[in-house]
Amino acid sequence: MESSYFLASALAALFTCLFYKQTDKLKTIIMLFDAVGLGVFTAIEPTARLLPGWRSPFYFFTCSR
């Protein structure tokens, strides 16, 4: 599932670069790094769930006191 987010964002960045001739190299690099960042960000939480004692960053906002 996480790899599909990365793949979709990377493909969107590549298609944007291919079909819009106005994009320069800097915009292309930014879009590709954004795609990689999205893939890494979406892979962190499911991987962290495998660790013992892991809690979601939103745990403190959702637990009843």
PDB file of N, CA and C in Angstrom:
ATOM      1  N   MET A   1       0.828  -1.200   0.000  1.00  0.00           N
ATOM      2  CA  MET A   1       0.000   0.000   0.000  1.00  0.00           C
ATOM      3  C   MET A   1       0.868   1.257   0.000  1.00  0.00           C
ATOM      4  N   GLU A   2       1.888   1.290   0.848  1.00  0.00           N
ATOM      5  CA  GLU A   2       2.738   2.466   0.917  1.00  0.00           C
ATOM      6  C   GLU A   2       3.512   2.662  -0.376  1.00  0.00           C
ATOM      7  N   SER A   3       3.942   1.552  -0.983  1.00  0.00           N
ATOM      8  CA  SER A   3       4.688   1.680  -2.228  1.00  0.00           C
ATOM      9  C   SER A   3       3.799   2.215  -3.345  1.00  0.00           C
ATOM     10  N   SER A   4       2.499   1.978  -3.260  1.00  0.00           N
ATOM     11  CA  SER A   4       1.604   2.518  -4.285  1.00  0.00           C
ATOM     12  C   SER A   4       1.504   4.039  -4.179  1.00  0.00           C
ATOM     13  N   TYR A   5       1.558   4.594  -2.957  1.00  0.00           N
ATOM     14  CA  TYR A   5       1.577   6.048  -2.801  1.00  0.00           C
ATOM     15  C   TYR A   5       2.828   6.631  -3.443  1.00  0.00           C
ATOM     16  N   PHE A   6       3.959   5.995  -3.172  1.00  0.00           N
ATOM     17  CA  PHE A   6       5.217   6.473  -3.738  1.00  0.00           C
ATOM     18  C   PHE A   6       5.194   6.376  -5.251  1.00  0.00           C
ATOM     19  N   LEU A   7       4.730   5.250  -5.769  1.00  0.00           N
ATOM     20  CA  LEU A   7       4.702   5.044  -7.211  1.00  0.00           C
ATOM     21  C   LEU A   7       3.776   6.052  -7.890  1.00  0.00           C
ATOM     22  N   ALA A   8       2.619   6.287  -7.305  1.00  0.00           N
ATOM     23  CA  ALA A   8       1.682   7.248  -7.894  1.00  0.00           C
ATOM     24  C   ALA A   8       2.256   8.657  -7.895  1.00  0.00           C
ATOM     25  N   SER A   9       2.894   9.054  -6.805  1.00  0.00           N
ATOM     26  CA  SER A   9       3.448  10.406  -6.755  1.00  0.00           C
ATOM     27  C   SER A   9       4.656  10.546  -7.672  1.00  0.00           C
ATOM     28  N   ALA A  10       5.469   9.497  -7.790  1.00  0.00           N
ATOM     29  CA  ALA A  10       6.614   9.550  -8.703  1.00  0.00           C
ATOM     30  C   ALA A  10       6.148   9.605 -10.153  1.00  0.00           C
ATOM     31  N   LEU A  11       5.141   8.816 -10.498  1.00  0.00           N
ATOM     32  CA  LEU A  11       4.616   8.849 -11.865  1.00  0.00           C
ATOM     33  C   LEU A  11       3.974  10.196 -12.183  1.00  0.00           C
ATOM     34  N   ALA A  12       3.274  10.768 -11.220  1.00  0.00           N
ATOM     35  CA  ALA A  12       2.674  12.085 -11.444  1.00  0.00           C
ATOM     36  C   ALA A  12       3.750  13.134 -11.697  1.00  0.00           C
ATOM     37  N   ALA A  13       4.838  13.066 -10.939  1.00  0.00           N
ATOM     38  CA  ALA A  13       5.931  14.014 -11.149  1.00  0.00           C
ATOM     39  C   ALA A  13       6.574  13.816 -12.515  1.00  0.00           C
ATOM     40  N   LEU A  14       6.791  12.572 -12.911  1.00  0.00           N
ATOM     41  CA  LEU A  14       7.417  12.311 -14.204  1.00  0.00           C
ATOM     42  C   LEU A  14       6.518  12.727 -15.365  1.00  0.00           C
ATOM     43  N   PHE A  15       5.225  12.413 -15.289  1.00  0.00           N
ATOM     44  CA  PHE A  15       4.314  12.814 -16.359  1.00  0.00           C
ATOM     45  C   PHE A  15       4.199  14.329 -16.449  1.00  0.00           C
ATOM     46  N   THR A  16       4.217  14.991 -15.299  1.00  0.00           N
ATOM     47  CA  THR A  16       4.183  16.450 -15.313  1.00  0.00           C
ATOM     48  C   THR A  16       5.405  17.002 -16.027  1.00  0.00           C
ATOM     49  N   CYS A  17       6.553  16.417 -15.752  1.00  0.00           N
ATOM     50  CA  CYS A  17       7.788  16.877 -16.395  1.00  0.00           C
ATOM     51  C   CYS A  17       7.782  16.578 -17.894  1.00  0.00           C
ATOM     52  N   LEU A  18       7.193  15.467 -18.291  1.00  0.00           N
ATOM     53  CA  LEU A  18       7.194  15.092 -19.705  1.00  0.00           C
ATOM     54  C   LEU A  18       6.234  15.938 -20.534  1.00  0.00           C
ATOM     55  N   PHE A  19       5.062  16.229 -19.991  1.00  0.00           N
ATOM     56  CA  PHE A  19       4.028  16.858 -20.800  1.00  0.00           C
ATOM     57  C   PHE A  19       4.002  18.376 -20.713  1.00  0.00           C
ATOM     58  N   TYR A  20       4.642  18.934 -19.719  1.00  0.00           N
ATOM     59  CA  TYR A  20       4.700  20.384 -19.627  1.00  0.00           C
ATOM     60  C   TYR A  20       6.117  20.827 -19.925  1.00  0.00           C
ATOM     61  N   LYS A  21       6.304  21.414 -21.073  1.00  0.00           N
ATOM     62  CA  LYS A  21       7.646  21.801 -21.517  1.00  0.00           C
ATOM     63  C   LYS A  21       8.174  23.007 -20.742  1.00  0.00           C
ATOM     64  N   GLN A  22       7.295  23.712 -20.031  1.00  0.00           N
ATOM     65  CA  GLN A  22       7.730  24.907 -19.322  1.00  0.00           C
ATOM     66  C   GLN A  22       8.503  24.584 -18.043  1.00  0.00           C
ATOM     67  N   THR A  23       8.416  23.348 -17.566  1.00  0.00           N
ATOM     68  CA  THR A  23       9.097  23.021 -16.313  1.00  0.00           C
ATOM     69  C   THR A  23      10.596  22.993 -16.540  1.00  0.00           C
ATOM     70  N   ASP A  24      11.315  23.570 -15.646  1.00  0.00           N
ATOM     71  CA  ASP A  24      12.768  23.563 -15.754  1.00  0.00           C
ATOM     72  C   ASP A  24      13.347  22.464 -14.875  1.00  0.00           C
ATOM     73  N   LYS A  25      14.647  22.367 -14.856  1.00  0.00           N
ATOM     74  CA  LYS A  25      15.297  21.273 -14.128  1.00  0.00           C
ATOM     75  C   LYS A  25      15.072  21.382 -12.624  1.00  0.00           C
ATOM     76  N   LEU A  26      15.040  22.586 -12.103  1.00  0.00           N
ATOM     77  CA  LEU A  26      14.843  22.752 -10.664  1.00  0.00           C
ATOM     78  C   LEU A  26      13.462  22.258 -10.241  1.00  0.00           C
ATOM     79  N   LYS A  27      12.434  22.598 -11.008  1.00  0.00           N
ATOM     80  CA  LYS A  27      11.085  22.126 -10.679  1.00  0.00           C
ATOM     81  C   LYS A  27      10.995  20.608 -10.786  1.00  0.00           C
ATOM     82  N   THR A  28      11.681  20.046 -11.766  1.00  0.00           N
ATOM     83  CA  THR A  28      11.694  18.592 -11.919  1.00  0.00           C
ATOM     84  C   THR A  28      12.328  17.928 -10.707  1.00  0.00           C
ATOM     85  N   ILE A  29      13.445  18.446 -10.266  1.00  0.00           N
ATOM     86  CA  ILE A  29      14.138  17.883  -9.100  1.00  0.00           C
ATOM     87  C   ILE A  29      13.270  18.017  -7.851  1.00  0.00           C
ATOM     88  N   ILE A  30      12.620  19.161  -7.690  1.00  0.00           N
ATOM     89  CA  ILE A  30      11.763  19.364  -6.521  1.00  0.00           C
ATOM     90  C   ILE A  30      10.603  18.378  -6.515  1.00  0.00           C
ATOM     91  N   MET A  31       9.978  18.175  -7.678  1.00  0.00           N
ATOM     92  CA  MET A  31       8.846  17.245  -7.744  1.00  0.00           C
ATOM     93  C   MET A  31       9.283  15.811  -7.464  1.00  0.00           C
ATOM     94  N   LEU A  32      10.449  15.418  -7.966  1.00  0.00           N
ATOM     95  CA  LEU A  32      10.915  14.052  -7.725  1.00  0.00           C
ATOM     96  C   LEU A  32      11.291  13.844  -6.261  1.00  0.00           C
ATOM     97  N   PHE A  33      11.933  14.837  -5.638  1.00  0.00           N
ATOM     98  CA  PHE A  33      12.249  14.719  -4.217  1.00  0.00           C
ATOM     99  C   PHE A  33      10.973  14.707  -3.376  1.00  0.00           C
ATOM    100  N   ASP A  34       9.956  15.437  -3.808  1.00  0.00           N
ATOM    101  CA  ASP A  34       8.675  15.419  -3.109  1.00  0.00           C
ATOM    102  C   ASP A  34       8.043  14.037  -3.194  1.00  0.00           C
ATOM    103  N   ALA A  35       8.153  13.406  -4.347  1.00  0.00           N
ATOM    104  CA  ALA A  35       7.611  12.053  -4.509  1.00  0.00           C
ATOM    105  C   ALA A  35       8.341  11.065  -3.614  1.00  0.00           C
ATOM    106  N   VAL A  36       9.655  11.178  -3.543  1.00  0.00           N
ATOM    107  CA  VAL A  36      10.433  10.283  -2.674  1.00  0.00           C
ATOM    108  C   VAL A  36      10.092  10.541  -1.213  1.00  0.00           C
ATOM    109  N   GLY A  37       9.958  11.810  -0.838  1.00  0.00           N
ATOM    110  CA  GLY A  37       9.599  12.144   0.539  1.00  0.00           C
ATOM    111  C   GLY A  37       8.241  11.601   0.932  1.00  0.00           C
ATOM    112  N   LEU A  38       7.290  11.664   0.017  1.00  0.00           N
ATOM    113  CA  LEU A  38       5.966  11.112   0.294  1.00  0.00           C
ATOM    114  C   LEU A  38       6.034   9.605   0.480  1.00  0.00           C
ATOM    115  N   GLY A  39       6.827   8.941  -0.341  1.00  0.00           N
ATOM    116  CA  GLY A  39       6.974   7.492  -0.200  1.00  0.00           C
ATOM    117  C   GLY A  39       7.607   7.106   1.120  1.00  0.00           C
ATOM    118  N   VAL A  40       8.621   7.853   1.540  1.00  0.00           N
ATOM    119  CA  VAL A  40       9.280   7.567   2.820  1.00  0.00           C
ATOM    120  C   VAL A  40       8.339   7.860   3.975  1.00  0.00           C
ATOM    121  N   PHE A  41       7.624   8.978   3.906  1.00  0.00           N
ATOM    122  CA  PHE A  41       6.719   9.360   4.985  1.00  0.00           C
ATOM    123  C   PHE A  41       5.607   8.336   5.172  1.00  0.00           C
ATOM    124  N   THR A  42       5.057   7.825   4.079  1.00  0.00           N
ATOM    125  CA  THR A  42       3.971   6.859   4.201  1.00  0.00           C
ATOM    126  C   THR A  42       4.465   5.487   4.618  1.00  0.00           C
ATOM    127  N   ALA A  43       5.766   5.230   4.497  1.00  0.00           N
ATOM    128  CA  ALA A  43       6.304   3.934   4.893  1.00  0.00           C
ATOM    129  C   ALA A  43       6.727   3.905   6.359  1.00  0.00           C
ATOM    130  N   ILE A  44       6.847   5.055   7.002  1.00  0.00           N
ATOM    131  CA  ILE A  44       7.369   5.099   8.373  1.00  0.00           C
ATOM    132  C   ILE A  44       6.393   4.473   9.367  1.00  0.00           C
ATOM    133  N   GLU A  45       5.135   4.876   9.328  1.00  0.00           N
ATOM    134  CA  GLU A  45       4.194   4.419  10.356  1.00  0.00           C
ATOM    135  C   GLU A  45       3.948   2.915  10.318  1.00  0.00           C
ATOM    136  N   PRO A  46       3.665   2.292   9.165  1.00  0.00           N
ATOM    137  CA  PRO A  46       3.451   0.837   9.184  1.00  0.00           C
ATOM    138  C   PRO A  46       4.684   0.061   9.622  1.00  0.00           C
ATOM    139  N   THR A  47       5.860   0.571   9.299  1.00  0.00           N
ATOM    140  CA  THR A  47       7.089  -0.089   9.739  1.00  0.00           C
ATOM    141  C   THR A  47       7.258   0.064  11.243  1.00  0.00           C
ATOM    142  N   ALA A  48       6.943   1.243  11.756  1.00  0.00           N
ATOM    143  CA  ALA A  48       7.082   1.487  13.190  1.00  0.00           C
ATOM    144  C   ALA A  48       6.090   0.669  14.003  1.00  0.00           C
ATOM    145  N   ARG A  49       4.959   0.316  13.420  1.00  0.00           N
ATOM    146  CA  ARG A  49       3.974  -0.495  14.146  1.00  0.00           C
ATOM    147  C   ARG A  49       4.526  -1.867  14.511  1.00  0.00           C
ATOM    148  N   LEU A  50       5.528  -2.321  13.796  1.00  0.00           N
ATOM    149  CA  LEU A  50       6.117  -3.621  14.092  1.00  0.00           C
ATOM    150  C   LEU A  50       7.011  -3.578  15.326  1.00  0.00           C
ATOM    151  N   LEU A  51       7.420  -2.392  15.732  1.00  0.00           N
ATOM    152  CA  LEU A  51       8.308  -2.258  16.884  1.00  0.00           C
ATOM    153  C   LEU A  51       7.516  -2.434  18.179  1.00  0.00           C
ATOM    154  N   PRO A  52       8.100  -3.119  19.162  1.00  0.00           N
ATOM    155  CA  PRO A  52       7.390  -3.276  20.439  1.00  0.00           C
ATOM    156  C   PRO A  52       7.285  -1.938  21.172  1.00  0.00           C
ATOM    157  N   GLY A  53       6.129  -1.690  21.732  1.00  0.00           N
ATOM    158  CA  GLY A  53       5.927  -0.466  22.498  1.00  0.00           C
ATOM    159  C   GLY A  53       5.671   0.764  21.658  1.00  0.00           C
ATOM    160  N   TRP A  54       5.436   0.571  20.367  1.00  0.00           N
ATOM    161  CA  TRP A  54       5.216   1.725  19.495  1.00  0.00           C
ATOM    162  C   TRP A  54       3.832   2.301  19.715  1.00  0.00           C
ATOM    163  N   ARG A  55       3.745   3.618  19.720  1.00  0.00           N
ATOM    164  CA  ARG A  55       2.460   4.312  19.807  1.00  0.00           C
ATOM    165  C   ARG A  55       2.395   5.349  18.695  1.00  0.00           C
ATOM    166  N   SER A  56       1.214   5.542  18.199  1.00  0.00           N
ATOM    167  CA  SER A  56       1.012   6.536  17.146  1.00  0.00           C
ATOM    168  C   SER A  56       1.327   7.925  17.682  1.00  0.00           C
ATOM    169  N   PRO A  57       1.816   8.819  16.827  1.00  0.00           N
ATOM    170  CA  PRO A  57       2.038  10.202  17.279  1.00  0.00           C
ATOM    171  C   PRO A  57       0.751  10.872  17.743  1.00  0.00           C
ATOM    172  N   PHE A  58      -0.390  10.364  17.298  1.00  0.00           N
ATOM    173  CA  PHE A  58      -1.670  10.937  17.681  1.00  0.00           C
ATOM    174  C   PHE A  58      -2.263  10.252  18.905  1.00  0.00           C
ATOM    175  N   TYR A  59      -1.510   9.363  19.551  1.00  0.00           N
ATOM    176  CA  TYR A  59      -2.013   8.613  20.699  1.00  0.00           C
ATOM    177  C   TYR A  59      -2.448   9.544  21.828  1.00  0.00           C
ATOM    178  N   PHE A  60      -1.646  10.556  22.107  1.00  0.00           N
ATOM    179  CA  PHE A  60      -1.930  11.436  23.234  1.00  0.00           C
ATOM    180  C   PHE A  60      -3.133  12.335  22.973  1.00  0.00           C
ATOM    181  N   PHE A  61      -3.478  12.513  21.700  1.00  0.00           N
ATOM    182  CA  PHE A  61      -4.648  13.327  21.385  1.00  0.00           C
ATOM    183  C   PHE A  61      -5.929  12.508  21.379  1.00  0.00           C
ATOM    184  N   THR A  62      -5.799  11.189  21.203  1.00  0.00           N
ATOM    185  CA  THR A  62      -6.992  10.360  21.063  1.00  0.00           C
ATOM    186  C   THR A  62      -7.337   9.566  22.311  1.00  0.00           C
ATOM    187  N   CYS A  63      -6.398   9.383  23.235  1.00  0.00           N
ATOM    188  CA  CYS A  63      -6.695   8.562  24.410  1.00  0.00           C
ATOM    189  C   CYS A  63      -7.573   9.350  25.389  1.00  0.00           C
ATOM    190  N   SER A  64      -8.462   8.632  26.043  1.00  0.00           N
ATOM    191  CA  SER A  64      -9.336   9.293  27.015  1.00  0.00           C
ATOM    192  C   SER A  64      -8.588   9.442  28.329  1.00  0.00           C
ATOM    193  N   ARG A  65      -8.787  10.561  28.968  1.00  0.00           N
ATOM    194  CA  ARG A  65      -8.073  10.829  30.229  1.00  0.00           C
ATOM    195  C   ARG A  65      -9.023  10.750  31.389  1.00  0.00           C
TER     196      ARG A  65
END
